[in-house]
């Protein structure tokens, strides 16, 4: 059992209002953003995930394969659980 003294100390510490020791931190990067951006190297090539031209048949096959594989793996996992637990 927690003693009355310990309970009082914990409660007073948890519920006490704490004053801020200093002012809130302000973001300084917005003030010097132009100089930060000037130090970056120029990037003329955007790094896209899919670089066209790409074969639409291959992309459709891959997306379809992922859907079928995901459905199949979930079905087989659930089927296994049903057999293991004796429901089927």
C-alpha atoms as a PDB file:
ATOM      1  CA  UNK A   1       0.000   0.000   0.000  1.00  0.00           C
ATOM      2  CA  UNK A   2       1.240   3.476  -0.829  1.00  0.00           C
ATOM      3  CA  UNK A   3       1.807   5.669   2.160  1.00  0.00           C
ATOM      4  CA  UNK A   4      -0.120   8.904   2.491  1.00  0.00           C
ATOM      5  CA  UNK A   5       3.089  10.953   2.259  1.00  0.00           C
ATOM      6  CA  UNK A   6       4.207   9.275  -0.982  1.00  0.00           C
ATOM      7  CA  UNK A   7       0.762   9.697  -2.506  1.00  0.00           C
ATOM      8  CA  UNK A   8       0.724  13.394  -1.576  1.00  0.00           C
ATOM      9  CA  UNK A   9       4.175  13.993  -3.081  1.00  0.00           C
ATOM     10  CA  UNK A  10       3.350  12.197  -6.329  1.00  0.00           C
ATOM     11  CA  UNK A  11       0.002  13.957  -6.681  1.00  0.00           C
ATOM     12  CA  UNK A  12       1.444  17.405  -6.007  1.00  0.00           C
ATOM     13  CA  UNK A  13       4.227  16.875  -8.541  1.00  0.00           C
ATOM     14  CA  UNK A  14       1.909  15.498 -11.220  1.00  0.00           C
ATOM     15  CA  UNK A  15      -0.756  18.190 -10.847  1.00  0.00           C
ATOM     16  CA  UNK A  16       1.465  21.210 -10.198  1.00  0.00           C
ATOM     17  CA  UNK A  17       1.478  24.026 -12.727  1.00  0.00           C
ATOM     18  CA  UNK A  18       4.953  24.576 -14.027  1.00  0.00           C
ATOM     19  CA  UNK A  19       6.025  27.974 -15.223  1.00  0.00           C
ATOM     20  CA  UNK A  20       8.004  28.204 -18.430  1.00  0.00           C
ATOM     21  CA  UNK A  21      11.682  28.697 -17.748  1.00  0.00           C
ATOM     22  CA  UNK A  22      12.166  30.735 -20.929  1.00  0.00           C
ATOM     23  CA  UNK A  23      10.251  31.983 -23.930  1.00  0.00           C
ATOM     24  CA  UNK A  24       8.963  29.555 -26.554  1.00  0.00           C
ATOM     25  CA  UNK A  25      11.459  28.451 -29.161  1.00  0.00           C
ATOM     26  CA  UNK A  26      11.030  30.334 -32.423  1.00  0.00           C
ATOM     27  CA  UNK A  27      11.935  28.864 -35.806  1.00  0.00           C
ATOM     28  CA  UNK A  28      14.793  30.851 -37.231  1.00  0.00           C
ATOM     29  CA  UNK A  29      15.146  29.031 -40.581  1.00  0.00           C
ATOM     30  CA  UNK A  30      12.376  31.041 -42.250  1.00  0.00           C
ATOM     31  CA  UNK A  31      14.406  34.208 -41.743  1.00  0.00           C
ATOM     32  CA  UNK A  32      17.506  32.850 -43.509  1.00  0.00           C
ATOM     33  CA  UNK A  33      15.840  30.536 -46.030  1.00  0.00           C
ATOM     34  CA  UNK A  34      17.163  32.418 -49.080  1.00  0.00           C
ATOM     35  CA  UNK A  35      20.769  32.008 -47.943  1.00  0.00           C
ATOM     36  CA  UNK A  36      20.202  28.317 -47.093  1.00  0.00           C
ATOM     37  CA  UNK A  37      18.659  27.674 -50.497  1.00  0.00           C
ATOM     38  CA  UNK A  38      21.523  29.491 -52.256  1.00  0.00           C
ATOM     39  CA  UNK A  39      24.057  27.002 -50.845  1.00  0.00           C
ATOM     40  CA  UNK A  40      22.249  23.991 -52.357  1.00  0.00           C
ATOM     41  CA  UNK A  41      23.423  22.591 -55.694  1.00  0.00           C
ATOM     42  CA  UNK A  42      21.104  23.007 -58.672  1.00  0.00           C
ATOM     43  CA  UNK A  43      19.100  19.888 -59.527  1.00  0.00           C
ATOM     44  CA  UNK A  44      17.861  20.015 -63.101  1.00  0.00           C
ATOM     45  CA  UNK A  45      16.578  16.437 -63.164  1.00  0.00           C
ATOM     46  CA  UNK A  46      13.461  15.646 -61.110  1.00  0.00           C
ATOM     47  CA  UNK A  47      13.722  12.261 -59.418  1.00  0.00           C
ATOM     48  CA  UNK A  48      10.374  10.702 -60.205  1.00  0.00           C
ATOM     49  CA  UNK A  49       9.464   7.200 -59.122  1.00  0.00           C
ATOM     50  CA  UNK A  50       8.259   6.221 -62.593  1.00  0.00           C
ATOM     51  CA  UNK A  51      10.324   7.544 -65.479  1.00  0.00           C
ATOM     52  CA  UNK A  52       8.172   7.567 -68.593  1.00  0.00           C
ATOM     53  CA  UNK A  53       7.980   5.974 -71.043  1.00  0.00           C
ATOM     54  CA  UNK A  54       7.117   2.732 -69.293  1.00  0.00           C
ATOM     55  CA  UNK A  55       5.183  -0.218 -70.612  1.00  0.00           C
ATOM     56  CA  UNK A  56       1.564  -0.009 -69.442  1.00  0.00           C
ATOM     57  CA  UNK A  57       1.082  -3.766 -69.870  1.00  0.00           C
ATOM     58  CA  UNK A  58       3.975  -4.546 -67.542  1.00  0.00           C
ATOM     59  CA  UNK A  59       2.771  -2.011 -64.955  1.00  0.00           C
ATOM     60  CA  UNK A  60      -0.790  -3.386 -65.092  1.00  0.00           C
ATOM     61  CA  UNK A  61       0.540  -6.949 -64.788  1.00  0.00           C
ATOM     62  CA  UNK A  62       2.634  -6.037 -61.743  1.00  0.00           C
ATOM     63  CA  UNK A  63      -0.232  -4.227 -60.004  1.00  0.00           C
ATOM     64  CA  UNK A  64      -2.596  -7.114 -60.771  1.00  0.00           C
ATOM     65  CA  UNK A  65      -0.024  -9.615 -59.547  1.00  0.00           C
ATOM     66  CA  UNK A  66       0.347  -7.783 -56.252  1.00  0.00           C
ATOM     67  CA  UNK A  67      -3.432  -7.739 -55.754  1.00  0.00           C
ATOM     68  CA  UNK A  68      -3.799 -11.445 -56.608  1.00  0.00           C
ATOM     69  CA  UNK A  69      -0.817 -12.438 -54.453  1.00  0.00           C
ATOM     70  CA  UNK A  70      -2.140 -10.382 -51.521  1.00  0.00           C
ATOM     71  CA  UNK A  71      -5.613 -11.878 -51.802  1.00  0.00           C
ATOM     72  CA  UNK A  72      -4.202 -15.386 -52.140  1.00  0.00           C
ATOM     73  CA  UNK A  73      -1.890 -15.083 -49.166  1.00  0.00           C
ATOM     74  CA  UNK A  74      -4.678 -13.708 -46.963  1.00  0.00           C
ATOM     75  CA  UNK A  75      -7.107 -16.407 -48.113  1.00  0.00           C
ATOM     76  CA  UNK A  76      -4.630 -19.197 -47.483  1.00  0.00           C
ATOM     77  CA  UNK A  77      -3.701 -17.768 -44.062  1.00  0.00           C
ATOM     78  CA  UNK A  78      -7.338 -17.517 -43.008  1.00  0.00           C
ATOM     79  CA  UNK A  79      -8.068 -20.985 -44.427  1.00  0.00           C
ATOM     80  CA  UNK A  80      -5.171 -22.411 -42.428  1.00  0.00           C
ATOM     81  CA  UNK A  81      -6.466 -20.814 -39.222  1.00  0.00           C
ATOM     82  CA  UNK A  82      -9.983 -22.147 -39.814  1.00  0.00           C
ATOM     83  CA  UNK A  83      -8.679 -25.701 -40.306  1.00  0.00           C
ATOM     84  CA  UNK A  84      -6.257 -25.394 -37.387  1.00  0.00           C
ATOM     85  CA  UNK A  85      -8.981 -24.234 -35.006  1.00  0.00           C
ATOM     86  CA  UNK A  86     -11.458 -26.828 -36.242  1.00  0.00           C
ATOM     87  CA  UNK A  87     -14.106 -24.565 -37.763  1.00  0.00           C
ATOM     88  CA  UNK A  88     -13.861 -26.177 -41.256  1.00  0.00           C
END
